[in-house]
PDB file of N, CA and C in Angstrom:
ATOM      1  N   MET A   1      94.838 150.260 191.201  1.00  0.00           N
ATOM      2  CA  MET A   1      94.119 149.397 190.266  1.00  0.00           C
ATOM      3  C   MET A   1      92.672 149.878 190.193  1.00  0.00           C
ATOM      4  N   SER A   2      92.168 150.061 189.001  1.00  0.00           N
ATOM      5  CA  SER A   2      90.780 150.479 188.820  1.00  0.00           C
ATOM      6  C   SER A   2      89.885 149.262 188.685  1.00  0.00           C
ATOM      7  N   GLY A   3      88.591 149.484 188.685  1.00  0.00           N
ATOM      8  CA  GLY A   3      87.648 148.381 188.542  1.00  0.00           C
ATOM      9  C   GLY A   3      87.240 147.820 189.886  1.00  0.00           C
ATOM     10  N   PHE A   4      86.539 146.687 189.815  1.00  0.00           N
ATOM     11  CA  PHE A   4      86.014 146.039 191.010  1.00  0.00           C
ATOM     12  C   PHE A   4      86.706 144.707 191.239  1.00  0.00           C
ATOM     13  N   SER A   5      87.055 144.444 192.486  1.00  0.00           N
ATOM     14  CA  SER A   5      87.491 143.113 192.899  1.00  0.00           C
ATOM     15  C   SER A   5      86.281 142.459 193.545  1.00  0.00           C
ATOM     16  N   LEU A   6      85.853 141.330 192.998  1.00  0.00           N
ATOM     17  CA  LEU A   6      84.654 140.636 193.469  1.00  0.00           C
ATOM     18  C   LEU A   6      84.992 139.185 193.760  1.00  0.00           C
ATOM     19  N   GLN A   7      84.060 138.476 194.380  1.00  0.00           N
ATOM     20  CA  GLN A   7      84.217 137.054 194.649  1.00  0.00           C
ATOM     21  C   GLN A   7      82.941 136.331 194.274  1.00  0.00           C
ATOM     22  N   PHE A   8      83.107 135.132 193.721  1.00  0.00           N
ATOM     23  CA  PHE A   8      81.991 134.217 193.509  1.00  0.00           C
ATOM     24  C   PHE A   8      82.128 133.090 194.520  1.00  0.00           C
ATOM     25  N   GLN A   9      80.995 132.603 195.004  1.00  0.00           N
ATOM     26  CA  GLN A   9      80.973 131.448 195.886  1.00  0.00           C
ATOM     27  C   GLN A   9      79.831 130.554 195.470  1.00  0.00           C
ATOM     28  N   SER A  10      80.095 129.259 195.406  1.00  0.00           N
ATOM     29  CA  SER A  10      79.062 128.258 195.174  1.00  0.00           C
ATOM     30  C   SER A  10      79.398 127.088 196.081  1.00  0.00           C
ATOM     31  N   GLY A  11      78.595 126.930 197.119  1.00  0.00           N
ATOM     32  CA  GLY A  11      78.917 125.899 198.096  1.00  0.00           C
ATOM     33  C   GLY A  11      80.240 126.226 198.773  1.00  0.00           C
ATOM     34  N   LEU A  12      81.181 125.284 198.722  1.00  0.00           N
ATOM     35  CA  LEU A  12      82.473 125.473 199.371  1.00  0.00           C
ATOM     36  C   LEU A  12      83.514 126.113 198.468  1.00  0.00           C
ATOM     37  N   VAL A  13      83.181 126.329 197.196  1.00  0.00           N
ATOM     38  CA  VAL A  13      84.136 126.874 196.236  1.00  0.00           C
ATOM     39  C   VAL A  13      84.039 128.398 196.237  1.00  0.00           C
ATOM     40  N   LEU A  14      85.167 129.061 196.465  1.00  0.00           N
ATOM     41  CA  LEU A  14      85.231 130.516 196.509  1.00  0.00           C
ATOM     42  C   LEU A  14      86.359 130.978 195.595  1.00  0.00           C
ATOM     43  N   GLU A  15      86.083 131.986 194.762  1.00  0.00           N
ATOM     44  CA  GLU A  15      87.101 132.480 193.833  1.00  0.00           C
ATOM     45  C   GLU A  15      86.953 133.989 193.658  1.00  0.00           C
ATOM     46  N   SER A  16      88.076 134.692 193.671  1.00  0.00           N
ATOM     47  CA  SER A  16      88.101 136.137 193.440  1.00  0.00           C
ATOM     48  C   SER A  16      88.312 136.424 191.969  1.00  0.00           C
ATOM     49  N   PHE A  17      87.781 137.565 191.507  1.00  0.00           N
ATOM     50  CA  PHE A  17      88.023 138.004 190.140  1.00  0.00           C
ATOM     51  C   PHE A  17      87.929 139.520 190.082  1.00  0.00           C
ATOM     52  N   HIS A  18      88.362 140.078 188.964  1.00  0.00           N
ATOM     53  CA  HIS A  18      88.409 141.527 188.775  1.00  0.00           C
ATOM     54  C   HIS A  18      87.633 141.881 187.514  1.00  0.00           C
ATOM     55  N   ILE A  19      86.894 142.987 187.552  1.00  0.00           N
ATOM     56  CA  ILE A  19      86.155 143.440 186.371  1.00  0.00           C
ATOM     57  C   ILE A  19      86.214 144.969 186.312  1.00  0.00           C
ATOM     58  N   GLU A  20      86.412 145.484 185.121  1.00  0.00           N
ATOM     59  CA  GLU A  20      86.463 146.932 184.911  1.00  0.00           C
ATOM     60  C   GLU A  20      85.038 147.502 184.885  1.00  0.00           C
ATOM     61  N   PRO A  21      84.842 148.724 185.372  1.00  0.00           N
ATOM     62  CA  PRO A  21      83.500 149.321 185.421  1.00  0.00           C
ATOM     63  C   PRO A  21      82.802 149.359 184.065  1.00  0.00           C
ATOM     64  N   GLU A  22      83.549 149.621 183.000  1.00  0.00           N
ATOM     65  CA  GLU A  22      82.921 149.701 181.677  1.00  0.00           C
ATOM     66  C   GLU A  22      82.433 148.339 181.177  1.00  0.00           C
ATOM     67  N   ASN A  23      82.900 147.252 181.784  1.00  0.00           N
ATOM     68  CA  ASN A  23      82.469 145.902 181.405  1.00  0.00           C
ATOM     69  C   ASN A  23      81.405 145.343 182.347  1.00  0.00           C
ATOM     70  N   LEU A  24      81.014 146.119 183.351  1.00  0.00           N
ATOM     71  CA  LEU A  24      80.096 145.640 184.375  1.00  0.00           C
ATOM     72  C   LEU A  24      78.650 145.721 183.898  1.00  0.00           C
ATOM     73  N   SER A  25      78.021 144.566 183.775  1.00  0.00           N
ATOM     74  CA  SER A  25      76.595 144.464 183.452  1.00  0.00           C
ATOM     75  C   SER A  25      76.097 143.165 184.066  1.00  0.00           C
ATOM     76  N   LEU A  26      74.793 143.056 184.251  1.00  0.00           N
ATOM     77  CA  LEU A  26      74.240 141.825 184.804  1.00  0.00           C
ATOM     78  C   LEU A  26      74.514 140.661 183.862  1.00  0.00           C
ATOM     79  N   ARG A  27      74.398 140.907 182.561  1.00  0.00           N
ATOM     80  CA  ARG A  27      74.682 139.858 181.570  1.00  0.00           C
ATOM     81  C   ARG A  27      76.134 139.377 181.693  1.00  0.00           C
ATOM     82  N   ARG A  28      77.072 140.315 181.824  1.00  0.00           N
ATOM     83  CA  ARG A  28      78.488 139.955 181.956  1.00  0.00           C
ATOM     84  C   ARG A  28      78.729 139.190 183.251  1.00  0.00           C
ATOM     85  N   LEU A  29      78.096 139.629 184.342  1.00  0.00           N
ATOM     86  CA  LEU A  29      78.252 138.921 185.613  1.00  0.00           C
ATOM     87  C   LEU A  29      77.725 137.496 185.511  1.00  0.00           C
ATOM     88  N   LYS A  30      76.599 137.324 184.817  1.00  0.00           N
ATOM     89  CA  LYS A  30      76.058 135.971 184.647  1.00  0.00           C
ATOM     90  C   LYS A  30      76.991 135.116 183.799  1.00  0.00           C
ATOM     91  N   GLN A  31      77.603 135.707 182.767  1.00  0.00           N
ATOM     92  CA  GLN A  31      78.546 134.940 181.950  1.00  0.00           C
ATOM     93  C   GLN A  31      79.776 134.563 182.771  1.00  0.00           C
ATOM     94  N   GLU A  32      80.252 135.483 183.600  1.00  0.00           N
ATOM     95  CA  GLU A  32      81.370 135.175 184.496  1.00  0.00           C
ATOM     96  C   GLU A  32      80.978 134.045 185.453  1.00  0.00           C
ATOM     97  N   ALA A  33      79.725 134.068 185.923  1.00  0.00           N
ATOM     98  CA  ALA A  33      79.240 133.007 186.809  1.00  0.00           C
ATOM     99  C   ALA A  33      79.206 131.665 186.086  1.00  0.00           C
ATOM    100  N   VAL A  34      78.766 131.663 184.814  1.00  0.00           N
ATOM    101  CA  VAL A  34      78.772 130.431 184.010  1.00  0.00           C
ATOM    102  C   VAL A  34      80.199 129.920 183.882  1.00  0.00           C
ATOM    103  N   ASP A  35      81.135 130.818 183.590  1.00  0.00           N
ATOM    104  CA  ASP A  35      82.540 130.419 183.468  1.00  0.00           C
ATOM    105  C   ASP A  35      83.047 129.820 184.778  1.00  0.00           C
ATOM    106  N   PHE A  36      82.658 130.431 185.897  1.00  0.00           N
ATOM    107  CA  PHE A  36      83.040 129.921 187.217  1.00  0.00           C
ATOM    108  C   PHE A  36      82.497 128.511 187.428  1.00  0.00           C
ATOM    109  N   VAL A  37      81.208 128.339 187.136  1.00  0.00           N
ATOM    110  CA  VAL A  37      80.565 127.032 187.313  1.00  0.00           C
ATOM    111  C   VAL A  37      81.211 125.995 186.400  1.00  0.00           C
ATOM    112  N   ASN A  38      81.446 126.360 185.134  1.00  0.00           N
ATOM    113  CA  ASN A  38      82.083 125.431 184.193  1.00  0.00           C
ATOM    114  C   ASN A  38      83.497 125.081 184.633  1.00  0.00           C
ATOM    115  N   LYS A  39      84.235 126.057 185.100  1.00  0.00           N
ATOM    116  CA  LYS A  39      85.614 125.834 185.542  1.00  0.00           C
ATOM    117  C   LYS A  39      85.665 124.814 186.669  1.00  0.00           C
ATOM    118  N   HIS A  40      84.666 124.860 187.510  1.00  0.00           N
ATOM    119  CA  HIS A  40      84.638 123.950 188.658  1.00  0.00           C
ATOM    120  C   HIS A  40      83.757 122.731 188.388  1.00  0.00           C
ATOM    121  N   ARG A  41      83.486 122.494 187.110  1.00  0.00           N
ATOM    122  CA  ARG A  41      82.754 121.316 186.629  1.00  0.00           C
ATOM    123  C   ARG A  41      81.381 121.163 187.290  1.00  0.00           C
ATOM    124  N   LEU A  42      80.670 122.268 187.353  1.00  0.00           N
ATOM    125  CA  LEU A  42      79.338 122.253 187.951  1.00  0.00           C
ATOM    126  C   LEU A  42      78.232 122.291 186.899  1.00  0.00           C
ATOM    127  N   GLY A  43      78.588 122.247 185.611  1.00  0.00           N
ATOM    128  CA  GLY A  43      77.591 122.251 184.547  1.00  0.00           C
ATOM    129  C   GLY A  43      77.902 123.287 183.483  1.00  0.00           C
ATOM    130  N   ASP A  44      77.056 123.373 182.453  1.00  0.00           N
ATOM    131  CA  ASP A  44      77.232 124.388 181.414  1.00  0.00           C
ATOM    132  C   ASP A  44      75.876 124.884 180.923  1.00  0.00           C
ATOM    133  N   ARG A  45      75.889 125.908 180.103  1.00  0.00           N
ATOM    134  CA  ARG A  45      74.678 126.550 179.562  1.00  0.00           C
ATOM    135  C   ARG A  45      73.693 126.910 180.672  1.00  0.00           C
ATOM    136  N   LEU A  46      74.177 127.574 181.672  1.00  0.00           N
ATOM    137  CA  LEU A  46      73.369 127.851 182.861  1.00  0.00           C
ATOM    138  C   LEU A  46      72.863 129.285 182.974  1.00  0.00           C
ATOM    139  N   ALA A  47      73.272 130.171 182.081  1.00  0.00           N
ATOM    140  CA  ALA A  47      73.017 131.610 182.271  1.00  0.00           C
ATOM    141  C   ALA A  47      71.557 131.935 182.576  1.00  0.00           C
ATOM    142  N   ASP A  48      70.621 131.243 181.935  1.00  0.00           N
ATOM    143  CA  ASP A  48      69.204 131.532 182.161  1.00  0.00           C
ATOM    144  C   ASP A  48      68.702 131.021 183.508  1.00  0.00           C
ATOM    145  N   HIS A  49      69.502 130.202 184.176  1.00  0.00           N
ATOM    146  CA  HIS A  49      69.074 129.596 185.438  1.00  0.00           C
ATOM    147  C   HIS A  49      69.896 130.078 186.629  1.00  0.00           C
ATOM    148  N   ILE A  50      70.807 131.016 186.381  1.00  0.00           N
ATOM    149  CA  ILE A  50      71.654 131.512 187.458  1.00  0.00           C
ATOM    150  C   ILE A  50      71.033 132.753 188.084  1.00  0.00           C
ATOM    151  N   LEU A  51      70.975 132.735 189.398  1.00  0.00           N
ATOM    152  CA  LEU A  51      70.591 133.907 190.181  1.00  0.00           C
ATOM    153  C   LEU A  51      71.835 134.333 190.953  1.00  0.00           C
ATOM    154  N   LEU A  52      72.106 135.623 190.985  1.00  0.00           N
ATOM    155  CA  LEU A  52      73.247 136.142 191.727  1.00  0.00           C
ATOM    156  C   LEU A  52      72.746 136.924 192.931  1.00  0.00           C
ATOM    157  N   TYR A  53      73.352 136.643 194.077  1.00  0.00           N
ATOM    158  CA  TYR A  53      73.017 137.325 195.319  1.00  0.00           C
ATOM    159  C   TYR A  53      74.274 137.970 195.880  1.00  0.00           C
ATOM    160  N   LYS A  54      74.096 139.132 196.474  1.00  0.00           N
ATOM    161  CA  LYS A  54      75.191 139.836 197.131  1.00  0.00           C
ATOM    162  C   LYS A  54      75.074 139.583 198.632  1.00  0.00           C
ATOM    163  N   HIS A  55      76.181 139.199 199.263  1.00  0.00           N
ATOM    164  CA  HIS A  55      76.199 139.041 200.714  1.00  0.00           C
ATOM    165  C   HIS A  55      76.172 140.427 201.356  1.00  0.00           C
ATOM    166  N   ASP A  56      75.245 140.637 202.285  1.00  0.00           N
ATOM    167  CA  ASP A  56      75.154 141.891 203.031  1.00  0.00           C
ATOM    168  C   ASP A  56      74.980 141.547 204.507  1.00  0.00           C
ATOM    169  N   PRO A  57      76.096 141.429 205.237  1.00  0.00           N
ATOM    170  CA  PRO A  57      76.018 141.013 206.639  1.00  0.00           C
ATOM    171  C   PRO A  57      75.291 142.014 207.538  1.00  0.00           C
ATOM    172  N   ARG A  58      75.042 143.227 207.047  1.00  0.00           N
ATOM    173  CA  ARG A  58      74.327 144.234 207.842  1.00  0.00           C
ATOM    174  C   ARG A  58      72.822 144.070 207.754  1.00  0.00           C
ATOM    175  N   SER A  59      72.353 143.218 206.845  1.00  0.00           N
ATOM    176  CA  SER A  59      70.921 143.048 206.613  1.00  0.00           C
ATOM    177  C   SER A  59      70.394 141.811 207.341  1.00  0.00           C
ATOM    178  N   VAL A  60      69.116 141.853 207.722  1.00  0.00           N
ATOM    179  CA  VAL A  60      68.461 140.677 208.296  1.00  0.00           C
ATOM    180  C   VAL A  60      68.495 139.537 207.282  1.00  0.00           C
ATOM    181  N   ASN A  61      68.263 139.868 206.018  1.00  0.00           N
ATOM    182  CA  ASN A  61      68.372 138.895 204.924  1.00  0.00           C
ATOM    183  C   ASN A  61      69.754 139.062 204.313  1.00  0.00           C
ATOM    184  N   ILE A  62      70.705 138.245 204.761  1.00  0.00           N
ATOM    185  CA  ILE A  62      72.107 138.429 204.376  1.00  0.00           C
ATOM    186  C   ILE A  62      72.331 138.355 202.865  1.00  0.00           C
ATOM    187  N   LEU A  63      71.512 137.582 202.152  1.00  0.00           N
ATOM    188  CA  LEU A  63      71.656 137.479 200.698  1.00  0.00           C
ATOM    189  C   LEU A  63      70.646 138.391 200.018  1.00  0.00           C
ATOM    190  N   GLN A  64      71.140 139.317 199.221  1.00  0.00           N
ATOM    191  CA  GLN A  64      70.305 140.274 198.500  1.00  0.00           C
ATOM    192  C   GLN A  64      70.361 139.949 197.012  1.00  0.00           C
ATOM    193  N   LEU A  65      69.214 139.645 196.395  1.00  0.00           N
ATOM    194  CA  LEU A  65      69.158 139.325 194.971  1.00  0.00           C
ATOM    195  C   LEU A  65      69.637 140.518 194.153  1.00  0.00           C
ATOM    196  N   ILE A  66      70.573 140.271 193.241  1.00  0.00           N
ATOM    197  CA  ILE A  66      71.083 141.326 192.363  1.00  0.00           C
ATOM    198  C   ILE A  66      70.192 141.396 191.134  1.00  0.00           C
ATOM    199  N   GLN A  67      69.609 142.552 190.913  1.00  0.00           N
ATOM    200  CA  GLN A  67      68.738 142.752 189.757  1.00  0.00           C
ATOM    201  C   GLN A  67      69.387 143.642 188.713  1.00  0.00           C
ATOM    202  N   SER A  68      70.475 144.318 189.094  1.00  0.00           N
ATOM    203  CA  SER A  68      71.171 145.228 188.190  1.00  0.00           C
ATOM    204  C   SER A  68      72.637 145.308 188.606  1.00  0.00           C
ATOM    205  N   ALA A  69      73.513 145.500 187.633  1.00  0.00           N
ATOM    206  CA  ALA A  69      74.942 145.633 187.923  1.00  0.00           C
ATOM    207  C   ALA A  69      75.223 146.872 188.776  1.00  0.00           C
ATOM    208  N   ASP A  70      74.303 147.833 188.813  1.00  0.00           N
ATOM    209  CA  ASP A  70      74.474 149.034 189.631  1.00  0.00           C
ATOM    210  C   ASP A  70      74.526 148.712 191.125  1.00  0.00           C
ATOM    211  N   GLU A  71      74.080 147.526 191.508  1.00  0.00           N
ATOM    212  CA  GLU A  71      74.059 147.124 192.912  1.00  0.00           C
ATOM    213  C   GLU A  71      75.399 146.562 193.374  1.00  0.00           C
ATOM    214  N   ILE A  72      76.365 146.458 192.461  1.00  0.00           N
ATOM    215  CA  ILE A  72      77.670 145.878 192.764  1.00  0.00           C
ATOM    216  C   ILE A  72      78.627 146.972 193.208  1.00  0.00           C
ATOM    217  N   SER A  73      79.445 146.655 194.210  1.00  0.00           N
ATOM    218  CA  SER A  73      80.467 147.591 194.666  1.00  0.00           C
ATOM    219  C   SER A  73      81.755 146.818 194.953  1.00  0.00           C
ATOM    220  N   GLU A  74      82.827 147.549 195.119  1.00  0.00           N
ATOM    221  CA  GLU A  74      84.141 146.966 195.381  1.00  0.00           C
ATOM    222  C   GLU A  74      84.067 145.971 196.535  1.00  0.00           C
ATOM    223  N   GLY A  75      84.657 144.816 196.339  1.00  0.00           N
ATOM    224  CA  GLY A  75      84.769 143.825 197.393  1.00  0.00           C
ATOM    225  C   GLY A  75      83.548 142.961 197.629  1.00  0.00           C
ATOM    226  N   CYS A  76      82.522 143.078 196.809  1.00  0.00           N
ATOM    227  CA  CYS A  76      81.301 142.279 196.985  1.00  0.00           C
ATOM    228  C   CYS A  76      81.605 140.782 196.945  1.00  0.00           C
ATOM    229  N   LEU A  77      80.939 140.045 197.807  1.00  0.00           N
ATOM    230  CA  LEU A  77      80.938 138.586 197.741  1.00  0.00           C
ATOM    231  C   LEU A  77      79.630 138.201 197.072  1.00  0.00           C
ATOM    232  N   LEU A  78      79.727 137.547 195.916  1.00  0.00           N
ATOM    233  CA  LEU A  78      78.549 137.172 195.136  1.00  0.00           C
ATOM    234  C   LEU A  78      78.286 135.680 195.278  1.00  0.00           C
ATOM    235  N   GLU A  79      77.066 135.341 195.641  1.00  0.00           N
ATOM    236  CA  GLU A  79      76.641 133.946 195.774  1.00  0.00           C
ATOM    237  C   GLU A  79      75.941 133.541 194.486  1.00  0.00           C
ATOM    238  N   ILE A  80      76.361 132.415 193.920  1.00  0.00           N
ATOM    239  CA  ILE A  80      75.752 131.879 192.707  1.00  0.00           C
ATOM    240  C   ILE A  80      74.725 130.837 193.121  1.00  0.00           C
ATOM    241  N   VAL A  81      73.482 131.026 192.685  1.00  0.00           N
ATOM    242  CA  VAL A  81      72.418 130.063 192.962  1.00  0.00           C
ATOM    243  C   VAL A  81      71.841 129.614 191.628  1.00  0.00           C
ATOM    244  N   ILE A  82      71.750 128.309 191.443  1.00  0.00           N
ATOM    245  CA  ILE A  82      71.176 127.755 190.220  1.00  0.00           C
ATOM    246  C   ILE A  82      69.715 127.452 190.508  1.00  0.00           C
ATOM    247  N   SER A  83      68.826 128.087 189.740  1.00  0.00           N
ATOM    248  CA  SER A  83      67.399 127.932 189.997  1.00  0.00           C
ATOM    249  C   SER A  83      66.937 126.503 189.729  1.00  0.00           C
ATOM    250  N   ARG A  84      65.873 126.124 190.375  1.00  0.00           N
ATOM    251  CA  ARG A  84      65.359 124.759 190.307  1.00  0.00           C
ATOM    252  C   ARG A  84      64.910 124.364 188.913  1.00  0.00           C
ATOM    253  N   GLY A  85      64.546 125.317 188.077  1.00  0.00           N
ATOM    254  CA  GLY A  85      64.074 125.040 186.729  1.00  0.00           C
ATOM    255  C   GLY A  85      65.110 124.415 185.824  1.00  0.00           C
ATOM    256  N   PHE A  86      66.352 124.316 186.285  1.00  0.00           N
ATOM    257  CA  PHE A  86      67.415 123.782 185.439  1.00  0.00           C
ATOM    258  C   PHE A  86      67.272 122.294 185.261  1.00  0.00           C
TER     259      PHE A  86
END
């Protein structure tokens, strides 16, 4: 299987998903995050207020802010954080 297998987590809710490399962009990841949040009835129209973090257990700061889709790799666990400005 090609593409990336990733996970979103928000609080206690964890869900896996798959995305093809040609569809991988920060905008697409944020839209997937909105869909995740909406699916779990956590709100809507959130894309401008969503921050995505990658879990990196090897780092002192386990959550690394994702600024570009290039930072994503196979098996990443992505944490969805809704900024306070919402």
